[in-house]
Amino acid sequence: MIDRINTQSVKIIRLVSGEEICCKFPLHKDQLPENSKLLRLQEPMLIKYVPRITEHGISDYIALVKWVGFTDEKIITIPIDKIITIANATPEFTKRYGKLVVSLRQAKQTLPNVIERDLKDEEWDNFDEENSDLNERDIDKNDIKELSELLNMPSKKIH
């Protein structure tokens, strides 16, 4: 049985897809009944482990990303059978999540400049005109020299 009562604690949820998300459960009036096959999550964030190479070796840092983008919905509903496990987050993680959620509430999520399916013919023409210098620029000797230097760079592989 899922503890739908504890609304203060941040939860870490692992899904069958392998994704890990963090969220809170909404209050009773916004939550579904115990016998429901669905569960509501409040402001879910995807936990991404991003590897980075440092002078001491490879390490990971954690990035939190809005799980369902381009929506103003605060509560997302998922099927319970897609959940593998639910655990309480540490106090430090809970603080970080809280700060990030507050900053996301204040920020506007803008759409990318170009979305193919939404552009009309005249918009594509305007886009092409605005970016023609990027598409039709001649390659000069400096470009070739820079590319050559990149290709001749010694390998940093250990093996």
N, C-alpha and C. Protein backbone atom coordinates (compact mmCIF):
# COMPACT_ATOMS: atom_id res chain seq x y z
N MET A 1 0.84 -1.18 0.00
CA MET A 1 0.00 0.00 0.00
C MET A 1 0.89 1.25 0.00
N ILE A 2 0.53 2.26 -0.75
CA ILE A 2 1.29 3.50 -0.86
C ILE A 2 0.81 4.47 0.21
N ASP A 3 1.75 5.06 0.94
CA ASP A 3 1.41 6.03 1.98
C ASP A 3 1.05 7.35 1.32
N ARG A 4 -0.23 7.55 1.03
CA ARG A 4 -0.69 8.76 0.37
C ARG A 4 -0.93 9.88 1.37
N ILE A 5 -0.72 9.59 2.66
CA ILE A 5 -1.00 10.57 3.71
C ILE A 5 0.18 11.51 3.91
N ASN A 6 1.40 11.00 3.85
CA ASN A 6 2.59 11.79 4.12
C ASN A 6 2.85 12.75 2.97
N THR A 7 2.38 13.99 3.11
CA THR A 7 2.51 14.97 2.03
C THR A 7 3.70 15.90 2.23
N GLN A 8 4.35 15.83 3.38
CA GLN A 8 5.47 16.73 3.67
C GLN A 8 6.78 16.20 3.12
N SER A 9 6.92 14.90 3.06
CA SER A 9 8.17 14.28 2.68
C SER A 9 8.32 14.23 1.16
N VAL A 10 9.51 14.53 0.69
CA VAL A 10 9.82 14.38 -0.73
C VAL A 10 10.10 12.90 -0.97
N LYS A 11 9.52 12.37 -2.03
CA LYS A 11 9.66 10.95 -2.37
C LYS A 11 10.57 10.80 -3.58
N ILE A 12 11.32 9.71 -3.57
CA ILE A 12 12.11 9.29 -4.73
C ILE A 12 11.39 8.07 -5.29
N ILE A 13 10.99 8.13 -6.55
CA ILE A 13 10.22 7.06 -7.17
C ILE A 13 11.00 6.52 -8.35
N ARG A 14 11.19 5.19 -8.37
CA ARG A 14 11.81 4.54 -9.53
C ARG A 14 10.70 3.89 -10.33
N LEU A 15 10.68 4.21 -11.62
CA LEU A 15 9.66 3.69 -12.54
C LEU A 15 10.19 2.48 -13.30
N VAL A 16 9.29 1.71 -13.88
CA VAL A 16 9.70 0.54 -14.65
C VAL A 16 10.54 0.95 -15.87
N SER A 17 10.42 2.19 -16.31
CA SER A 17 11.22 2.68 -17.44
C SER A 17 12.68 2.91 -17.04
N GLY A 18 12.97 2.87 -15.73
CA GLY A 18 14.32 3.13 -15.25
C GLY A 18 14.49 4.56 -14.76
N GLU A 19 13.54 5.41 -15.06
CA GLU A 19 13.62 6.80 -14.62
C GLU A 19 13.45 6.88 -13.11
N GLU A 20 14.14 7.82 -12.51
CA GLU A 20 13.93 8.15 -11.10
C GLU A 20 13.38 9.57 -11.06
N ILE A 21 12.30 9.73 -10.34
CA ILE A 21 11.72 11.06 -10.20
C ILE A 21 11.57 11.38 -8.72
N CYS A 22 11.62 12.66 -8.41
CA CYS A 22 11.36 13.09 -7.05
C CYS A 22 10.13 13.99 -7.08
N CYS A 23 9.35 13.92 -6.01
CA CYS A 23 8.10 14.68 -5.96
C CYS A 23 7.55 14.63 -4.55
N LYS A 24 6.44 15.30 -4.37
CA LYS A 24 5.64 15.15 -3.16
C LYS A 24 4.30 14.59 -3.59
N PHE A 25 3.58 14.03 -2.62
CA PHE A 25 2.20 13.61 -2.90
C PHE A 25 1.29 14.76 -2.53
N PRO A 26 0.29 15.07 -3.35
CA PRO A 26 -0.63 16.16 -3.03
C PRO A 26 -1.48 15.85 -1.80
N LEU A 27 -2.10 16.88 -1.26
CA LEU A 27 -2.97 16.74 -0.09
C LEU A 27 -4.16 15.84 -0.40
N HIS A 28 -4.82 15.37 0.65
CA HIS A 28 -5.92 14.41 0.52
C HIS A 28 -6.95 14.80 -0.53
N LYS A 29 -7.40 16.04 -0.52
CA LYS A 29 -8.45 16.44 -1.46
C LYS A 29 -7.99 16.38 -2.91
N ASP A 30 -6.69 16.48 -3.14
CA ASP A 30 -6.15 16.42 -4.50
C ASP A 30 -5.62 15.03 -4.86
N GLN A 31 -5.63 14.10 -3.90
CA GLN A 31 -5.13 12.75 -4.13
C GLN A 31 -6.30 11.82 -4.47
N LEU A 32 -6.00 10.74 -5.15
CA LEU A 32 -7.02 9.76 -5.51
C LEU A 32 -7.25 8.80 -4.34
N PRO A 33 -8.40 8.09 -4.32
CA PRO A 33 -8.67 7.15 -3.21
C PRO A 33 -7.68 5.99 -3.18
N GLU A 34 -7.58 5.35 -2.03
CA GLU A 34 -6.63 4.25 -1.81
C GLU A 34 -6.78 3.13 -2.82
N ASN A 35 -8.00 2.83 -3.26
CA ASN A 35 -8.21 1.70 -4.16
C ASN A 35 -7.99 2.05 -5.64
N SER A 36 -7.57 3.28 -5.92
CA SER A 36 -7.33 3.70 -7.30
C SER A 36 -6.06 3.05 -7.85
N LYS A 37 -6.07 2.79 -9.14
CA LYS A 37 -4.89 2.24 -9.81
C LYS A 37 -3.96 3.34 -10.31
N LEU A 38 -4.28 4.58 -9.95
CA LEU A 38 -3.48 5.74 -10.34
C LEU A 38 -2.98 6.45 -9.09
N LEU A 39 -1.90 7.20 -9.25
CA LEU A 39 -1.33 7.97 -8.16
C LEU A 39 -1.02 9.36 -8.68
N ARG A 40 -1.32 10.36 -7.90
CA ARG A 40 -1.01 11.73 -8.28
C ARG A 40 0.29 12.17 -7.63
N LEU A 41 1.12 12.83 -8.44
CA LEU A 41 2.41 13.34 -7.99
C LEU A 41 2.40 14.85 -8.10
N GLN A 42 2.95 15.51 -7.10
CA GLN A 42 2.99 16.97 -7.10
C GLN A 42 4.37 17.44 -7.53
N GLU A 43 4.42 18.21 -8.60
CA GLU A 43 5.64 18.82 -9.15
C GLU A 43 6.80 17.82 -9.27
N PRO A 44 6.59 16.77 -10.08
CA PRO A 44 7.66 15.77 -10.24
C PRO A 44 8.85 16.31 -11.03
N MET A 45 10.03 15.91 -10.61
CA MET A 45 11.28 16.30 -11.27
C MET A 45 12.06 15.02 -11.59
N LEU A 46 12.62 14.96 -12.78
CA LEU A 46 13.45 13.84 -13.19
C LEU A 46 14.83 13.99 -12.58
N ILE A 47 15.34 12.91 -12.00
CA ILE A 47 16.69 12.91 -11.44
C ILE A 47 17.62 12.38 -12.53
N LYS A 48 18.55 13.22 -12.96
CA LYS A 48 19.51 12.81 -13.99
C LYS A 48 20.89 12.76 -13.36
N TYR A 49 21.57 11.63 -13.57
CA TYR A 49 22.94 11.49 -13.12
C TYR A 49 23.83 11.85 -14.30
N VAL A 50 24.58 12.92 -14.16
CA VAL A 50 25.41 13.43 -15.25
C VAL A 50 26.88 13.15 -14.92
N PRO A 51 27.52 12.28 -15.72
CA PRO A 51 28.92 11.99 -15.44
C PRO A 51 29.81 13.15 -15.89
N ARG A 52 30.88 13.35 -15.15
CA ARG A 52 31.86 14.35 -15.57
C ARG A 52 33.25 13.84 -15.23
N ILE A 53 34.18 14.24 -16.03
CA ILE A 53 35.56 13.82 -15.83
C ILE A 53 36.30 14.94 -15.12
N THR A 54 36.91 14.62 -14.00
CA THR A 54 37.68 15.58 -13.23
C THR A 54 39.12 15.11 -13.18
N GLU A 55 39.97 15.90 -12.57
CA GLU A 55 41.37 15.49 -12.45
C GLU A 55 41.53 14.30 -11.51
N HIS A 56 40.49 14.01 -10.71
CA HIS A 56 40.54 12.89 -9.78
C HIS A 56 39.84 11.65 -10.32
N GLY A 57 39.29 11.72 -11.52
CA GLY A 57 38.60 10.59 -12.12
C GLY A 57 37.20 10.97 -12.56
N ILE A 58 36.38 9.97 -12.74
CA ILE A 58 35.00 10.18 -13.19
C ILE A 58 34.09 10.27 -11.97
N SER A 59 33.24 11.28 -11.97
CA SER A 59 32.27 11.42 -10.89
C SER A 59 30.93 11.83 -11.49
N ASP A 60 29.88 11.67 -10.72
CA ASP A 60 28.55 12.05 -11.16
C ASP A 60 28.08 13.26 -10.37
N TYR A 61 27.29 14.09 -11.01
CA TYR A 61 26.54 15.06 -10.24
C TYR A 61 25.08 14.90 -10.63
N ILE A 62 24.21 15.34 -9.75
CA ILE A 62 22.80 15.12 -9.95
C ILE A 62 22.15 16.40 -10.46
N ALA A 63 21.39 16.26 -11.53
CA ALA A 63 20.61 17.37 -12.07
C ALA A 63 19.14 17.03 -11.93
N LEU A 64 18.35 18.01 -11.52
CA LEU A 64 16.90 17.83 -11.45
C LEU A 64 16.27 18.61 -12.59
N VAL A 65 15.44 17.92 -13.37
CA VAL A 65 14.83 18.50 -14.55
C VAL A 65 13.32 18.32 -14.44
N LYS A 66 12.57 19.32 -14.87
CA LYS A 66 11.12 19.20 -14.86
C LYS A 66 10.74 17.95 -15.64
N TRP A 67 9.98 17.06 -15.01
CA TRP A 67 9.68 15.76 -15.62
C TRP A 67 8.72 15.88 -16.79
N VAL A 68 7.69 16.69 -16.66
CA VAL A 68 6.74 16.91 -17.74
C VAL A 68 6.84 18.38 -18.13
N GLY A 69 7.50 18.63 -19.25
CA GLY A 69 7.75 20.00 -19.68
C GLY A 69 6.57 20.62 -20.41
N PHE A 70 6.65 21.91 -20.55
CA PHE A 70 5.71 22.72 -21.32
C PHE A 70 4.26 22.57 -20.85
N THR A 71 4.10 22.49 -19.54
CA THR A 71 2.77 22.50 -18.94
C THR A 71 2.83 23.29 -17.64
N ASP A 72 1.71 23.89 -17.30
CA ASP A 72 1.63 24.60 -16.03
C ASP A 72 0.99 23.73 -14.94
N GLU A 73 0.67 22.49 -15.29
CA GLU A 73 0.07 21.58 -14.32
C GLU A 73 1.06 21.29 -13.20
N LYS A 74 0.59 21.36 -11.98
CA LYS A 74 1.43 21.05 -10.81
C LYS A 74 1.28 19.61 -10.38
N ILE A 75 0.15 18.98 -10.74
CA ILE A 75 -0.13 17.61 -10.33
C ILE A 75 -0.22 16.73 -11.58
N ILE A 76 0.57 15.65 -11.58
CA ILE A 76 0.63 14.71 -12.69
C ILE A 76 0.15 13.35 -12.18
N THR A 77 -0.64 12.66 -12.97
CA THR A 77 -1.18 11.36 -12.58
C THR A 77 -0.48 10.26 -13.36
N ILE A 78 -0.05 9.20 -12.63
CA ILE A 78 0.61 8.07 -13.28
C ILE A 78 -0.03 6.77 -12.80
N PRO A 79 0.07 5.70 -13.60
CA PRO A 79 -0.44 4.40 -13.16
C PRO A 79 0.48 3.81 -12.09
N ILE A 80 -0.11 3.24 -11.07
CA ILE A 80 0.67 2.65 -9.97
C ILE A 80 1.51 1.48 -10.47
N ASP A 81 1.03 0.74 -11.46
CA ASP A 81 1.78 -0.43 -11.93
C ASP A 81 3.06 -0.07 -12.69
N LYS A 82 3.31 1.20 -12.91
CA LYS A 82 4.55 1.65 -13.55
C LYS A 82 5.61 2.02 -12.52
N ILE A 83 5.29 1.86 -11.24
CA ILE A 83 6.21 2.20 -10.15
C ILE A 83 6.88 0.93 -9.64
N ILE A 84 8.21 0.96 -9.51
CA ILE A 84 8.94 -0.16 -8.92
C ILE A 84 9.07 0.05 -7.42
N THR A 85 9.49 1.25 -7.02
CA THR A 85 9.69 1.51 -5.60
C THR A 85 9.52 2.98 -5.28
N ILE A 86 9.21 3.25 -4.00
CA ILE A 86 9.08 4.62 -3.50
C ILE A 86 9.86 4.70 -2.19
N ALA A 87 10.68 5.73 -2.07
CA ALA A 87 11.46 5.93 -0.83
C ALA A 87 11.43 7.40 -0.45
N ASN A 88 11.65 7.67 0.83
CA ASN A 88 11.75 9.06 1.30
C ASN A 88 13.13 9.62 0.95
N ALA A 89 13.17 10.86 0.53
CA ALA A 89 14.44 11.52 0.21
C ALA A 89 15.13 11.95 1.50
N THR A 90 16.42 12.16 1.41
CA THR A 90 17.18 12.64 2.56
C THR A 90 16.80 14.10 2.84
N PRO A 91 17.06 14.59 4.05
CA PRO A 91 16.75 16.00 4.34
C PRO A 91 17.49 16.98 3.42
N GLU A 92 18.74 16.68 3.07
CA GLU A 92 19.51 17.56 2.19
C GLU A 92 18.89 17.61 0.79
N PHE A 93 18.50 16.44 0.30
CA PHE A 93 17.87 16.39 -1.02
C PHE A 93 16.53 17.11 -1.00
N THR A 94 15.79 16.96 0.10
CA THR A 94 14.49 17.63 0.25
C THR A 94 14.65 19.14 0.18
N LYS A 95 15.68 19.69 0.82
CA LYS A 95 15.94 21.14 0.77
C LYS A 95 16.25 21.58 -0.66
N ARG A 96 17.10 20.81 -1.34
CA ARG A 96 17.47 21.17 -2.71
C ARG A 96 16.24 21.13 -3.62
N TYR A 97 15.43 20.11 -3.49
CA TYR A 97 14.21 19.99 -4.29
C TYR A 97 13.30 21.18 -4.01
N GLY A 98 13.11 21.54 -2.74
CA GLY A 98 12.24 22.65 -2.38
C GLY A 98 12.69 23.96 -3.00
N LYS A 99 13.98 24.24 -2.95
CA LYS A 99 14.52 25.47 -3.55
C LYS A 99 14.30 25.49 -5.05
N LEU A 100 14.52 24.35 -5.69
CA LEU A 100 14.38 24.28 -7.13
C LEU A 100 12.93 24.44 -7.56
N VAL A 101 12.00 23.84 -6.83
CA VAL A 101 10.58 23.96 -7.16
C VAL A 101 10.14 25.42 -7.05
N VAL A 102 10.60 26.12 -6.01
CA VAL A 102 10.25 27.53 -5.85
C VAL A 102 10.77 28.35 -7.03
N SER A 103 12.02 28.09 -7.45
CA SER A 103 12.58 28.85 -8.57
C SER A 103 11.86 28.52 -9.87
N LEU A 104 11.43 27.28 -10.06
CA LEU A 104 10.69 26.91 -11.27
C LEU A 104 9.32 27.55 -11.32
N ARG A 105 8.69 27.73 -10.17
CA ARG A 105 7.38 28.38 -10.12
C ARG A 105 7.48 29.82 -10.61
N GLN A 106 8.62 30.45 -10.35
CA GLN A 106 8.80 31.86 -10.71
C GLN A 106 9.27 32.03 -12.16
N ALA A 107 9.88 31.00 -12.73
CA ALA A 107 10.44 31.10 -14.08
C ALA A 107 9.39 30.71 -15.12
N LYS A 108 9.46 31.35 -16.26
CA LYS A 108 8.60 31.00 -17.39
C LYS A 108 9.35 30.00 -18.25
N GLN A 109 8.65 28.98 -18.73
CA GLN A 109 9.25 27.99 -19.61
C GLN A 109 8.93 28.37 -21.05
N THR A 110 9.95 28.83 -21.76
CA THR A 110 9.73 29.31 -23.12
C THR A 110 9.89 28.17 -24.12
N LEU A 111 9.19 28.29 -25.23
CA LEU A 111 9.31 27.32 -26.30
C LEU A 111 10.57 27.59 -27.10
N PRO A 112 11.14 26.57 -27.73
CA PRO A 112 12.29 26.79 -28.60
C PRO A 112 11.89 27.71 -29.76
N ASN A 113 12.86 28.40 -30.35
CA ASN A 113 12.58 29.33 -31.44
C ASN A 113 11.99 28.65 -32.66
N VAL A 114 12.43 27.44 -32.95
CA VAL A 114 11.97 26.77 -34.16
C VAL A 114 11.29 25.46 -33.77
N ILE A 115 10.04 25.34 -34.14
CA ILE A 115 9.33 24.08 -34.00
C ILE A 115 8.75 23.80 -35.37
N GLU A 116 9.29 22.78 -36.04
CA GLU A 116 8.98 22.54 -37.45
C GLU A 116 7.50 22.53 -37.75
N ARG A 117 6.74 21.79 -37.00
CA ARG A 117 5.33 21.61 -37.34
C ARG A 117 4.51 22.87 -37.18
N ASP A 118 5.00 23.87 -36.48
CA ASP A 118 4.21 25.08 -36.26
C ASP A 118 4.56 26.21 -37.23
N LEU A 119 5.62 26.06 -38.00
CA LEU A 119 6.03 27.14 -38.89
C LEU A 119 5.25 27.10 -40.20
N LYS A 120 4.80 28.27 -40.60
CA LYS A 120 4.13 28.42 -41.91
C LYS A 120 5.21 28.71 -42.95
N ASP A 121 4.84 28.61 -44.21
CA ASP A 121 5.81 28.83 -45.28
C ASP A 121 6.49 30.18 -45.17
N GLU A 122 5.72 31.24 -44.89
CA GLU A 122 6.32 32.57 -44.81
C GLU A 122 7.27 32.68 -43.61
N GLU A 123 6.97 31.93 -42.53
CA GLU A 123 7.87 31.94 -41.38
C GLU A 123 9.18 31.24 -41.71
N TRP A 124 9.10 30.12 -42.50
CA TRP A 124 10.33 29.46 -42.93
C TRP A 124 11.16 30.40 -43.80
N ASP A 125 10.48 31.16 -44.69
CA ASP A 125 11.19 32.10 -45.54
C ASP A 125 11.91 33.15 -44.69
N ASN A 126 11.22 33.68 -43.69
CA ASN A 126 11.82 34.66 -42.79
C ASN A 126 12.98 34.05 -42.01
N PHE A 127 12.82 32.82 -41.58
CA PHE A 127 13.88 32.14 -40.84
C PHE A 127 15.10 31.97 -41.72
N ASP A 128 14.88 31.53 -42.96
CA ASP A 128 15.99 31.34 -43.89
C ASP A 128 16.72 32.66 -44.16
N GLU A 129 15.95 33.75 -44.33
CA GLU A 129 16.57 35.05 -44.58
C GLU A 129 17.39 35.52 -43.38
N GLU A 130 16.84 35.34 -42.18
CA GLU A 130 17.53 35.79 -40.97
C GLU A 130 18.80 35.00 -40.72
N ASN A 131 18.85 33.74 -41.17
CA ASN A 131 19.99 32.87 -40.88
C ASN A 131 20.79 32.51 -42.12
N SER A 132 20.63 33.28 -43.19
CA SER A 132 21.32 32.94 -44.43
C SER A 132 22.83 33.03 -44.29
N ASP A 133 23.32 33.93 -43.46
CA ASP A 133 24.77 34.04 -43.29
C ASP A 133 25.35 32.80 -42.62
N LEU A 134 24.55 32.10 -41.84
CA LEU A 134 25.03 30.88 -41.19
C LEU A 134 25.08 29.72 -42.18
N ASN A 135 24.14 29.69 -43.12
CA ASN A 135 24.03 28.57 -44.04
C ASN A 135 24.94 28.69 -45.26
N GLU A 136 25.23 29.90 -45.70
CA GLU A 136 25.92 30.08 -46.97
C GLU A 136 27.30 30.69 -46.81
N ARG A 137 27.84 30.69 -45.62
CA ARG A 137 29.15 31.28 -45.40
C ARG A 137 30.21 30.42 -46.06
N ASP A 138 31.12 31.05 -46.80
CA ASP A 138 32.20 30.33 -47.45
C ASP A 138 33.22 29.87 -46.41
N ILE A 139 33.78 28.71 -46.67
CA ILE A 139 34.83 28.20 -45.80
C ILE A 139 36.13 28.87 -46.22
N ASP A 140 36.86 29.41 -45.25
CA ASP A 140 38.12 30.04 -45.59
C ASP A 140 39.29 29.24 -45.02
N LYS A 141 40.51 29.72 -45.26
CA LYS A 141 41.72 29.01 -44.84
C LYS A 141 41.77 28.85 -43.31
N ASN A 142 41.29 29.82 -42.58
CA ASN A 142 41.31 29.71 -41.11
C ASN A 142 40.42 28.57 -40.63
N ASP A 143 39.28 28.40 -41.29
CA ASP A 143 38.39 27.29 -40.92
C ASP A 143 39.07 25.95 -41.17
N ILE A 144 39.74 25.83 -42.30
CA ILE A 144 40.41 24.58 -42.64
C ILE A 144 41.56 24.32 -41.67
N LYS A 145 42.31 25.38 -41.33
CA LYS A 145 43.42 25.23 -40.41
C LYS A 145 42.91 24.80 -39.02
N GLU A 146 41.82 25.40 -38.57
CA GLU A 146 41.24 25.06 -37.27
C GLU A 146 40.77 23.61 -37.25
N LEU A 147 40.12 23.18 -38.32
CA LEU A 147 39.66 21.80 -38.42
C LEU A 147 40.84 20.84 -38.45
N SER A 148 41.87 21.19 -39.18
CA SER A 148 43.07 20.36 -39.27
C SER A 148 43.72 20.19 -37.90
N GLU A 149 43.79 21.27 -37.13
CA GLU A 149 44.37 21.19 -35.78
C GLU A 149 43.55 20.27 -34.88
N LEU A 150 42.23 20.33 -35.02
CA LEU A 150 41.38 19.44 -34.22
C LEU A 150 41.59 17.98 -34.59
N LEU A 151 41.71 17.71 -35.90
CA LEU A 151 41.88 16.33 -36.35
C LEU A 151 43.25 15.77 -35.99
N ASN A 152 44.25 16.62 -35.90
CA ASN A 152 45.61 16.17 -35.59
C ASN A 152 45.92 16.19 -34.09
N MET A 153 44.93 16.48 -33.28
CA MET A 153 45.14 16.55 -31.84
C MET A 153 45.52 15.16 -31.33
N PRO A 154 46.56 15.09 -30.47
CA PRO A 154 46.96 13.77 -29.96
C PRO A 154 45.86 13.17 -29.09
N SER A 155 45.75 11.85 -29.14
CA SER A 155 44.74 11.15 -28.37
C SER A 155 45.07 11.19 -26.88
N LYS A 156 44.06 11.34 -26.06
CA LYS A 156 44.24 11.35 -24.60
C LYS A 156 43.80 10.04 -23.99
N LYS A 157 43.59 9.02 -24.82
CA LYS A 157 43.19 7.72 -24.32
C LYS A 157 44.36 7.07 -23.58
N ILE A 158 44.06 6.36 -22.53
CA ILE A 158 45.10 5.71 -21.73
C ILE A 158 45.51 4.39 -22.34
N HIS A 159 44.59 3.68 -22.95
CA HIS A 159 44.90 2.34 -23.48
C HIS A 159 45.56 2.37 -24.80
